[in-house]
Amino acid sequence: ALANRINILKKEKEQQQQGKLKALKENER
């Protein structure tokens, strides 16, 4: 379960990074 937690955290991190990238582009505009 803890190993699966790493996968979940990795996906959440990727989603957060994608959200941050979109937010950064919007903020830049």
PDB file of all heavy atoms in Angstrom:
ATOM      1  N   ALA A   1       0.827  -1.205   0.000  1.00  0.00           N
ATOM      2  CA  ALA A   1       0.000   0.000   0.000  1.00  0.00           C
ATOM      3  C   ALA A   1       0.862   1.257   0.000  1.00  0.00           C
ATOM      4  O   ALA A   1       0.555   2.240  -0.682  1.00  0.00           O
ATOM      5  CB  ALA A   1      -0.924  -0.006   1.216  1.00  0.00           C
ATOM      6  N   LEU A   2       1.971   1.224   0.749  1.00  0.00           N
ATOM      7  CA  LEU A   2       2.852   2.379   0.765  1.00  0.00           C
ATOM      8  C   LEU A   2       3.538   2.576  -0.578  1.00  0.00           C
ATOM      9  O   LEU A   2       3.781   3.708  -1.019  1.00  0.00           O
ATOM     10  CB  LEU A   2       3.903   2.225   1.871  1.00  0.00           C
ATOM     11  CG  LEU A   2       3.392   2.412   3.300  1.00  0.00           C
ATOM     12  CD1 LEU A   2       4.476   2.069   4.303  1.00  0.00           C
ATOM     13  CD2 LEU A   2       2.923   3.838   3.504  1.00  0.00           C
ATOM     14  N   ALA A   3       3.858   1.462  -1.240  1.00  0.00           N
ATOM     15  CA  ALA A   3       4.432   1.590  -2.576  1.00  0.00           C
ATOM     16  C   ALA A   3       3.419   2.198  -3.532  1.00  0.00           C
ATOM     17  O   ALA A   3       3.752   3.036  -4.384  1.00  0.00           O
ATOM     18  CB  ALA A   3       4.887   0.225  -3.081  1.00  0.00           C
ATOM     19  N   ASN A   4       2.172   1.767  -3.406  1.00  0.00           N
ATOM     20  CA  ASN A   4       1.122   2.370  -4.232  1.00  0.00           C
ATOM     21  C   ASN A   4       0.954   3.850  -3.899  1.00  0.00           C
ATOM     22  O   ASN A   4       0.594   4.654  -4.773  1.00  0.00           O
ATOM     23  CB  ASN A   4      -0.195   1.633  -4.006  1.00  0.00           C
ATOM     24  CG  ASN A   4      -1.303   2.154  -4.908  1.00  0.00           C
ATOM     25  OD1 ASN A   4      -1.259   1.998  -6.121  1.00  0.00           O
ATOM     26  ND2 ASN A   4      -2.289   2.795  -4.307  1.00  0.00           N
ATOM     27  N   ARG A   5       1.228   4.206  -2.637  1.00  0.00           N
ATOM     28  CA  ARG A   5       1.152   5.613  -2.238  1.00  0.00           C
ATOM     29  C   ARG A   5       2.132   6.450  -3.049  1.00  0.00           C
ATOM     30  O   ARG A   5       1.836   7.592  -3.415  1.00  0.00           O
ATOM     31  CB  ARG A   5       1.455   5.723  -0.733  1.00  0.00           C
ATOM     32  CG  ARG A   5       1.532   7.140  -0.208  1.00  0.00           C
ATOM     33  CD  ARG A   5       1.983   7.124   1.247  1.00  0.00           C
ATOM     34  NE  ARG A   5       2.233   8.449   1.769  1.00  0.00           N
ATOM     35  CZ  ARG A   5       1.323   9.202   2.360  1.00  0.00           C
ATOM     36  NH1 ARG A   5       0.094   8.762   2.484  1.00  0.00           N
ATOM     37  NH2 ARG A   5       1.637  10.393   2.823  1.00  0.00           N
ATOM     38  N   ILE A   6       3.303   5.860  -3.346  1.00  0.00           N
ATOM     39  CA  ILE A   6       4.287   6.591  -4.155  1.00  0.00           C
ATOM     40  C   ILE A   6       3.724   6.873  -5.536  1.00  0.00           C
ATOM     41  O   ILE A   6       3.875   7.971  -6.091  1.00  0.00           O
ATOM     42  CB  ILE A   6       5.607   5.796  -4.247  1.00  0.00           C
ATOM     43  CG1 ILE A   6       6.236   5.665  -2.865  1.00  0.00           C
ATOM     44  CG2 ILE A   6       6.570   6.458  -5.209  1.00  0.00           C
ATOM     45  CD1 ILE A   6       7.504   4.866  -2.841  1.00  0.00           C
ATOM     46  N   ASN A   7       3.063   5.861  -6.122  1.00  0.00           N
ATOM     47  CA  ASN A   7       2.460   6.071  -7.442  1.00  0.00           C
ATOM     48  C   ASN A   7       1.384   7.158  -7.380  1.00  0.00           C
ATOM     49  O   ASN A   7       1.279   8.002  -8.282  1.00  0.00           O
ATOM     50  CB  ASN A   7       1.849   4.758  -7.944  1.00  0.00           C
ATOM     51  CG  ASN A   7       2.909   3.701  -8.222  1.00  0.00           C
ATOM     52  OD1 ASN A   7       4.021   4.035  -8.623  1.00  0.00           O
ATOM     53  ND2 ASN A   7       2.582   2.439  -7.985  1.00  0.00           N
ATOM     54  N   ILE A   8       0.589   7.119  -6.312  1.00  0.00           N
ATOM     55  CA  ILE A   8      -0.464   8.139  -6.174  1.00  0.00           C
ATOM     56  C   ILE A   8       0.152   9.524  -6.024  1.00  0.00           C
ATOM     57  O   ILE A   8      -0.276  10.493  -6.671  1.00  0.00           O
ATOM     58  CB  ILE A   8      -1.359   7.807  -4.963  1.00  0.00           C
ATOM     59  CG1 ILE A   8      -2.127   6.500  -5.215  1.00  0.00           C
ATOM     60  CG2 ILE A   8      -2.335   8.939  -4.687  1.00  0.00           C
ATOM     61  CD1 ILE A   8      -2.920   6.027  -4.019  1.00  0.00           C
ATOM     62  N   LEU A   9       1.184   9.614  -5.181  1.00  0.00           N
ATOM     63  CA  LEU A   9       1.837  10.897  -4.996  1.00  0.00           C
ATOM     64  C   LEU A   9       2.477  11.387  -6.282  1.00  0.00           C
ATOM     65  O   LEU A   9       2.468  12.593  -6.579  1.00  0.00           O
ATOM     66  CB  LEU A   9       2.901  10.790  -3.889  1.00  0.00           C
ATOM     67  CG  LEU A   9       2.375  10.557  -2.473  1.00  0.00           C
ATOM     68  CD1 LEU A   9       3.544  10.359  -1.506  1.00  0.00           C
ATOM     69  CD2 LEU A   9       1.512  11.719  -2.015  1.00  0.00           C
ATOM     70  N   LYS A  10       3.015  10.437  -7.062  1.00  0.00           N
ATOM     71  CA  LYS A  10       3.632  10.811  -8.336  1.00  0.00           C
ATOM     72  C   LYS A  10       2.588  11.377  -9.289  1.00  0.00           C
ATOM     73  O   LYS A  10       2.803  12.413  -9.938  1.00  0.00           O
ATOM     74  CB  LYS A  10       4.313   9.591  -8.952  1.00  0.00           C
ATOM     75  CG  LYS A  10       4.992   9.868 -10.291  1.00  0.00           C
ATOM     76  CD  LYS A  10       5.589   8.606 -10.857  1.00  0.00           C
ATOM     77  CE  LYS A  10       6.171   8.866 -12.241  1.00  0.00           C
ATOM     78  NZ  LYS A  10       6.697   7.625 -12.858  1.00  0.00           N
ATOM     79  N   LYS A  11       1.417  10.706  -9.374  1.00  0.00           N
ATOM     80  CA  LYS A  11       0.353  11.206 -10.257  1.00  0.00           C
ATOM     81  C   LYS A  11      -0.143  12.569  -9.777  1.00  0.00           C
ATOM     82  O   LYS A  11      -0.365  13.477 -10.584  1.00  0.00           O
ATOM     83  CB  LYS A  11      -0.799  10.207 -10.290  1.00  0.00           C
ATOM     84  CG  LYS A  11      -0.471   8.911 -11.018  1.00  0.00           C
ATOM     85  CD  LYS A  11      -1.658   7.968 -11.009  1.00  0.00           C
ATOM     86  CE  LYS A  11      -1.333   6.655 -11.718  1.00  0.00           C
ATOM     87  NZ  LYS A  11      -2.474   5.704 -11.684  1.00  0.00           N
ATOM     88  N   GLU A  12      -0.329  12.685  -8.458  1.00  0.00           N
ATOM     89  CA  GLU A  12      -0.777  13.966  -7.929  1.00  0.00           C
ATOM     90  C   GLU A  12       0.234  15.068  -8.221  1.00  0.00           C
ATOM     91  O   GLU A  12      -0.133  16.197  -8.557  1.00  0.00           O
ATOM     92  CB  GLU A  12      -1.011  13.858  -6.425  1.00  0.00           C
ATOM     93  CG  GLU A  12      -2.206  12.986  -6.042  1.00  0.00           C
ATOM     94  CD  GLU A  12      -2.354  12.855  -4.543  1.00  0.00           C
ATOM     95  OE1 GLU A  12      -1.443  13.325  -3.818  1.00  0.00           O
ATOM     96  OE2 GLU A  12      -3.367  12.282  -4.089  1.00  0.00           O
ATOM     97  N   LYS A  13       1.506  14.722  -8.112  1.00  0.00           N
ATOM     98  CA  LYS A  13       2.551  15.707  -8.396  1.00  0.00           C
ATOM     99  C   LYS A  13       2.522  16.122  -9.860  1.00  0.00           C
ATOM    100  O   LYS A  13       2.668  17.307 -10.192  1.00  0.00           O
ATOM    101  CB  LYS A  13       3.918  15.131  -8.020  1.00  0.00           C
ATOM    102  CG  LYS A  13       5.052  16.125  -8.149  1.00  0.00           C
ATOM    103  CD  LYS A  13       6.359  15.519  -7.679  1.00  0.00           C
ATOM    104  CE  LYS A  13       7.493  16.539  -7.786  1.00  0.00           C
ATOM    105  NZ  LYS A  13       8.782  15.967  -7.335  1.00  0.00           N
ATOM    106  N   GLU A  14       2.349  15.124 -10.761  1.00  0.00           N
ATOM    107  CA  GLU A  14       2.277  15.446 -12.179  1.00  0.00           C
ATOM    108  C   GLU A  14       1.073  16.330 -12.472  1.00  0.00           C
ATOM    109  O   GLU A  14       1.174  17.292 -13.249  1.00  0.00           O
ATOM    110  CB  GLU A  14       2.207  14.154 -12.999  1.00  0.00           C
ATOM    111  CG  GLU A  14       3.500  13.351 -12.979  1.00  0.00           C
ATOM    112  CD  GLU A  14       3.344  12.019 -13.714  1.00  0.00           C
ATOM    113  OE1 GLU A  14       2.189  11.685 -14.078  1.00  0.00           O
ATOM    114  OE2 GLU A  14       4.357  11.325 -13.903  1.00  0.00           O
ATOM    115  N   GLN A  15      -0.077  16.009 -11.855  1.00  0.00           N
ATOM    116  CA  GLN A  15      -1.261  16.832 -12.065  1.00  0.00           C
ATOM    117  C   GLN A  15      -1.055  18.245 -11.526  1.00  0.00           C
ATOM    118  O   GLN A  15      -1.456  19.229 -12.162  1.00  0.00           O
ATOM    119  CB  GLN A  15      -2.470  16.186 -11.379  1.00  0.00           C
ATOM    120  CG  GLN A  15      -2.910  14.872 -12.032  1.00  0.00           C
ATOM    121  CD  GLN A  15      -4.027  14.197 -11.250  1.00  0.00           C
ATOM    122  OE1 GLN A  15      -4.414  14.659 -10.180  1.00  0.00           O
ATOM    123  NE2 GLN A  15      -4.540  13.089 -11.781  1.00  0.00           N
ATOM    124  N   GLN A  16      -0.412  18.336 -10.360  1.00  0.00           N
ATOM    125  CA  GLN A  16      -0.134  19.656  -9.802  1.00  0.00           C
ATOM    126  C   GLN A  16       0.804  20.449 -10.698  1.00  0.00           C
ATOM    127  O   GLN A  16       0.617  21.651 -10.907  1.00  0.00           O
ATOM    128  CB  GLN A  16       0.468  19.519  -8.403  1.00  0.00           C
ATOM    129  CG  GLN A  16      -0.510  19.019  -7.348  1.00  0.00           C
ATOM    130  CD  GLN A  16       0.148  18.830  -6.002  1.00  0.00           C
ATOM    131  OE1 GLN A  16       1.357  19.015  -5.862  1.00  0.00           O
ATOM    132  NE2 GLN A  16      -0.640  18.436  -5.006  1.00  0.00           N
ATOM    133  N   GLN A  17       1.815  19.750 -11.244  1.00  0.00           N
ATOM    134  CA  GLN A  17       2.753  20.432 -12.128  1.00  0.00           C
ATOM    135  C   GLN A  17       2.061  20.919 -13.395  1.00  0.00           C
ATOM    136  O   GLN A  17       2.329  22.033 -13.867  1.00  0.00           O
ATOM    137  CB  GLN A  17       3.919  19.504 -12.471  1.00  0.00           C
ATOM    138  CG  GLN A  17       4.858  19.239 -11.304  1.00  0.00           C
ATOM    139  CD  GLN A  17       5.952  18.252 -11.647  1.00  0.00           C
ATOM    140  OE1 GLN A  17       5.877  17.563 -12.663  1.00  0.00           O
ATOM    141  NE2 GLN A  17       6.958  18.172 -10.800  1.00  0.00           N
ATOM    142  N   GLN A  18       1.177  20.072 -13.949  1.00  0.00           N
ATOM    143  CA  GLN A  18       0.439  20.497 -15.134  1.00  0.00           C
ATOM    144  C   GLN A  18      -0.457  21.693 -14.818  1.00  0.00           C
ATOM    145  O   GLN A  18      -0.544  22.648 -15.598  1.00  0.00           O
ATOM    146  CB  GLN A  18      -0.398  19.340 -15.669  1.00  0.00           C
ATOM    147  CG  GLN A  18       0.435  18.205 -16.272  1.00  0.00           C
ATOM    148  CD  GLN A  18      -0.422  17.037 -16.727  1.00  0.00           C
ATOM    149  OE1 GLN A  18      -1.642  17.049 -16.537  1.00  0.00           O
ATOM    150  NE2 GLN A  18       0.224  16.031 -17.313  1.00  0.00           N
ATOM    151  N   GLY A  19      -1.132  21.627 -13.647  1.00  0.00           N
ATOM    152  CA  GLY A  19      -1.970  22.750 -13.252  1.00  0.00           C
ATOM    153  C   GLY A  19      -1.159  24.013 -13.040  1.00  0.00           C
ATOM    154  O   GLY A  19      -1.568  25.111 -13.449  1.00  0.00           O
ATOM    155  N   LYS A  20       0.019  23.860 -12.420  1.00  0.00           N
ATOM    156  CA  LYS A  20       0.880  25.015 -12.203  1.00  0.00           C
ATOM    157  C   LYS A  20       1.376  25.590 -13.523  1.00  0.00           C
ATOM    158  O   LYS A  20       1.481  26.817 -13.687  1.00  0.00           O
ATOM    159  CB  LYS A  20       2.065  24.625 -11.320  1.00  0.00           C
ATOM    160  CG  LYS A  20       1.706  24.368  -9.866  1.00  0.00           C
ATOM    161  CD  LYS A  20       2.938  23.994  -9.061  1.00  0.00           C
ATOM    162  CE  LYS A  20       2.568  23.718  -7.599  1.00  0.00           C
ATOM    163  NZ  LYS A  20       3.760  23.330  -6.812  1.00  0.00           N
ATOM    164  N   LEU A  21       1.699  24.682 -14.506  1.00  0.00           N
ATOM    165  CA  LEU A  21       2.171  25.152 -15.805  1.00  0.00           C
ATOM    166  C   LEU A  21       1.091  25.973 -16.506  1.00  0.00           C
ATOM    167  O   LEU A  21       1.365  27.042 -17.066  1.00  0.00           O
ATOM    168  CB  LEU A  21       2.585  23.956 -16.667  1.00  0.00           C
ATOM    169  CG  LEU A  21       3.149  24.281 -18.054  1.00  0.00           C
ATOM    170  CD1 LEU A  21       4.406  25.152 -17.913  1.00  0.00           C
ATOM    171  CD2 LEU A  21       3.462  22.999 -18.815  1.00  0.00           C
ATOM    172  N   LYS A  22      -0.153  25.469 -16.464  1.00  0.00           N
ATOM    173  CA  LYS A  22      -1.253  26.212 -17.076  1.00  0.00           C
ATOM    174  C   LYS A  22      -1.449  27.559 -16.372  1.00  0.00           C
ATOM    175  O   LYS A  22      -1.659  28.590 -17.018  1.00  0.00           O
ATOM    176  CB  LYS A  22      -2.539  25.398 -16.999  1.00  0.00           C
ATOM    177  CG  LYS A  22      -2.541  24.160 -17.892  1.00  0.00           C
ATOM    178  CD  LYS A  22      -3.862  23.409 -17.752  1.00  0.00           C
ATOM    179  CE  LYS A  22      -3.867  22.163 -18.643  1.00  0.00           C
ATOM    180  NZ  LYS A  22      -5.134  21.395 -18.502  1.00  0.00           N
ATOM    181  N   ALA A  23      -1.381  27.505 -15.035  1.00  0.00           N
ATOM    182  CA  ALA A  23      -1.555  28.747 -14.283  1.00  0.00           C
ATOM    183  C   ALA A  23      -0.441  29.745 -14.594  1.00  0.00           C
ATOM    184  O   ALA A  23      -0.689  30.955 -14.717  1.00  0.00           O
ATOM    185  CB  ALA A  23      -1.591  28.447 -12.784  1.00  0.00           C
ATOM    186  N   LEU A  24       0.796  29.235 -14.758  1.00  0.00           N
ATOM    187  CA  LEU A  24       1.915  30.118 -15.080  1.00  0.00           C
ATOM    188  C   LEU A  24       1.737  30.769 -16.444  1.00  0.00           C
ATOM    189  O   LEU A  24       2.012  31.963 -16.625  1.00  0.00           O
ATOM    190  CB  LEU A  24       3.232  29.335 -15.032  1.00  0.00           C
ATOM    191  CG  LEU A  24       3.748  28.958 -13.633  1.00  0.00           C
ATOM    192  CD1 LEU A  24       4.979  28.061 -13.746  1.00  0.00           C
ATOM    193  CD2 LEU A  24       4.090  30.203 -12.834  1.00  0.00           C
ATOM    194  N   LYS A  25       1.281  29.970 -17.430  1.00  0.00           N
ATOM    195  CA  LYS A  25       1.060  30.533 -18.765  1.00  0.00           C
ATOM    196  C   LYS A  25      -0.034  31.604 -18.719  1.00  0.00           C
ATOM    197  O   LYS A  25       0.101  32.663 -19.342  1.00  0.00           O
ATOM    198  CB  LYS A  25       0.680  29.423 -19.739  1.00  0.00           C
ATOM    199  CG  LYS A  25       1.829  28.478 -20.067  1.00  0.00           C
ATOM    200  CD  LYS A  25       1.391  27.410 -21.061  1.00  0.00           C
ATOM    201  CE  LYS A  25       2.548  26.484 -21.419  1.00  0.00           C
ATOM    202  NZ  LYS A  25       2.131  25.417 -22.374  1.00  0.00           N
ATOM    203  N   GLU A  26      -1.112  31.306 -17.985  1.00  0.00           N
ATOM    204  CA  GLU A  26      -2.186  32.275 -17.874  1.00  0.00           C
ATOM    205  C   GLU A  26      -1.712  33.536 -17.149  1.00  0.00           C
ATOM    206  O   GLU A  26      -2.038  34.668 -17.543  1.00  0.00           O
ATOM    207  CB  GLU A  26      -3.370  31.654 -17.124  1.00  0.00           C
ATOM    208  CG  GLU A  26      -4.571  32.568 -16.948  1.00  0.00           C
ATOM    209  CD  GLU A  26      -5.224  32.923 -18.271  1.00  0.00           C
ATOM    210  OE1 GLU A  26      -5.007  32.194 -19.274  1.00  0.00           O
ATOM    211  OE2 GLU A  26      -5.949  33.931 -18.302  1.00  0.00           O
ATOM    212  N   ASN A  27      -0.928  33.325 -16.105  1.00  0.00           N
ATOM    213  CA  ASN A  27      -0.397  34.475 -15.372  1.00  0.00           C
ATOM    214  C   ASN A  27       0.542  35.308 -16.231  1.00  0.00           C
ATOM    215  O   ASN A  27       0.553  36.541 -16.155  1.00  0.00           O
ATOM    216  CB  ASN A  27       0.343  34.006 -14.115  1.00  0.00           C
ATOM    217  CG  ASN A  27      -0.601  33.476 -13.049  1.00  0.00           C
ATOM    218  OD1 ASN A  27      -1.775  33.824 -13.028  1.00  0.00           O
ATOM    219  ND2 ASN A  27      -0.103  32.618 -12.180  1.00  0.00           N
ATOM    220  N   GLU A  28       1.329  34.607 -17.059  1.00  0.00           N
ATOM    221  CA  GLU A  28       2.241  35.324 -17.948  1.00  0.00           C
ATOM    222  C   GLU A  28       1.469  36.207 -18.926  1.00  0.00           C
ATOM    223  O   GLU A  28       1.845  37.360 -19.183  1.00  0.00           O
ATOM    224  CB  GLU A  28       3.108  34.316 -18.705  1.00  0.00           C
ATOM    225  CG  GLU A  28       4.180  34.962 -19.572  1.00  0.00           C
ATOM    226  CD  GLU A  28       5.036  33.930 -20.284  1.00  0.00           C
ATOM    227  OE1 GLU A  28       4.834  32.716 -20.040  1.00  0.00           O
ATOM    228  OE2 GLU A  28       5.888  34.337 -21.083  1.00  0.00           O
ATOM    229  N   ARG A  29       0.373  35.679 -19.466  1.00  0.00           N
ATOM    230  CA  ARG A  29      -0.449  36.468 -20.389  1.00  0.00           C
ATOM    231  C   ARG A  29      -1.063  37.668 -19.676  1.00  0.00           C
ATOM    232  O   ARG A  29      -1.060  38.791 -20.192  1.00  0.00           O
ATOM    233  CB  ARG A  29      -1.553  35.584 -20.974  1.00  0.00           C
ATOM    234  CG  ARG A  29      -2.438  36.289 -22.002  1.00  0.00           C
ATOM    235  CD  ARG A  29      -3.567  35.392 -22.438  1.00  0.00           C
ATOM    236  NE  ARG A  29      -4.483  35.089 -21.343  1.00  0.00           N
ATOM    237  CZ  ARG A  29      -5.449  35.945 -20.947  1.00  0.00           C
ATOM    238  NH1 ARG A  29      -5.609  37.120 -21.544  1.00  0.00           N
ATOM    239  NH2 ARG A  29      -6.245  35.603 -19.949  1.00  0.00           N
TER     240      ARG A  29
END
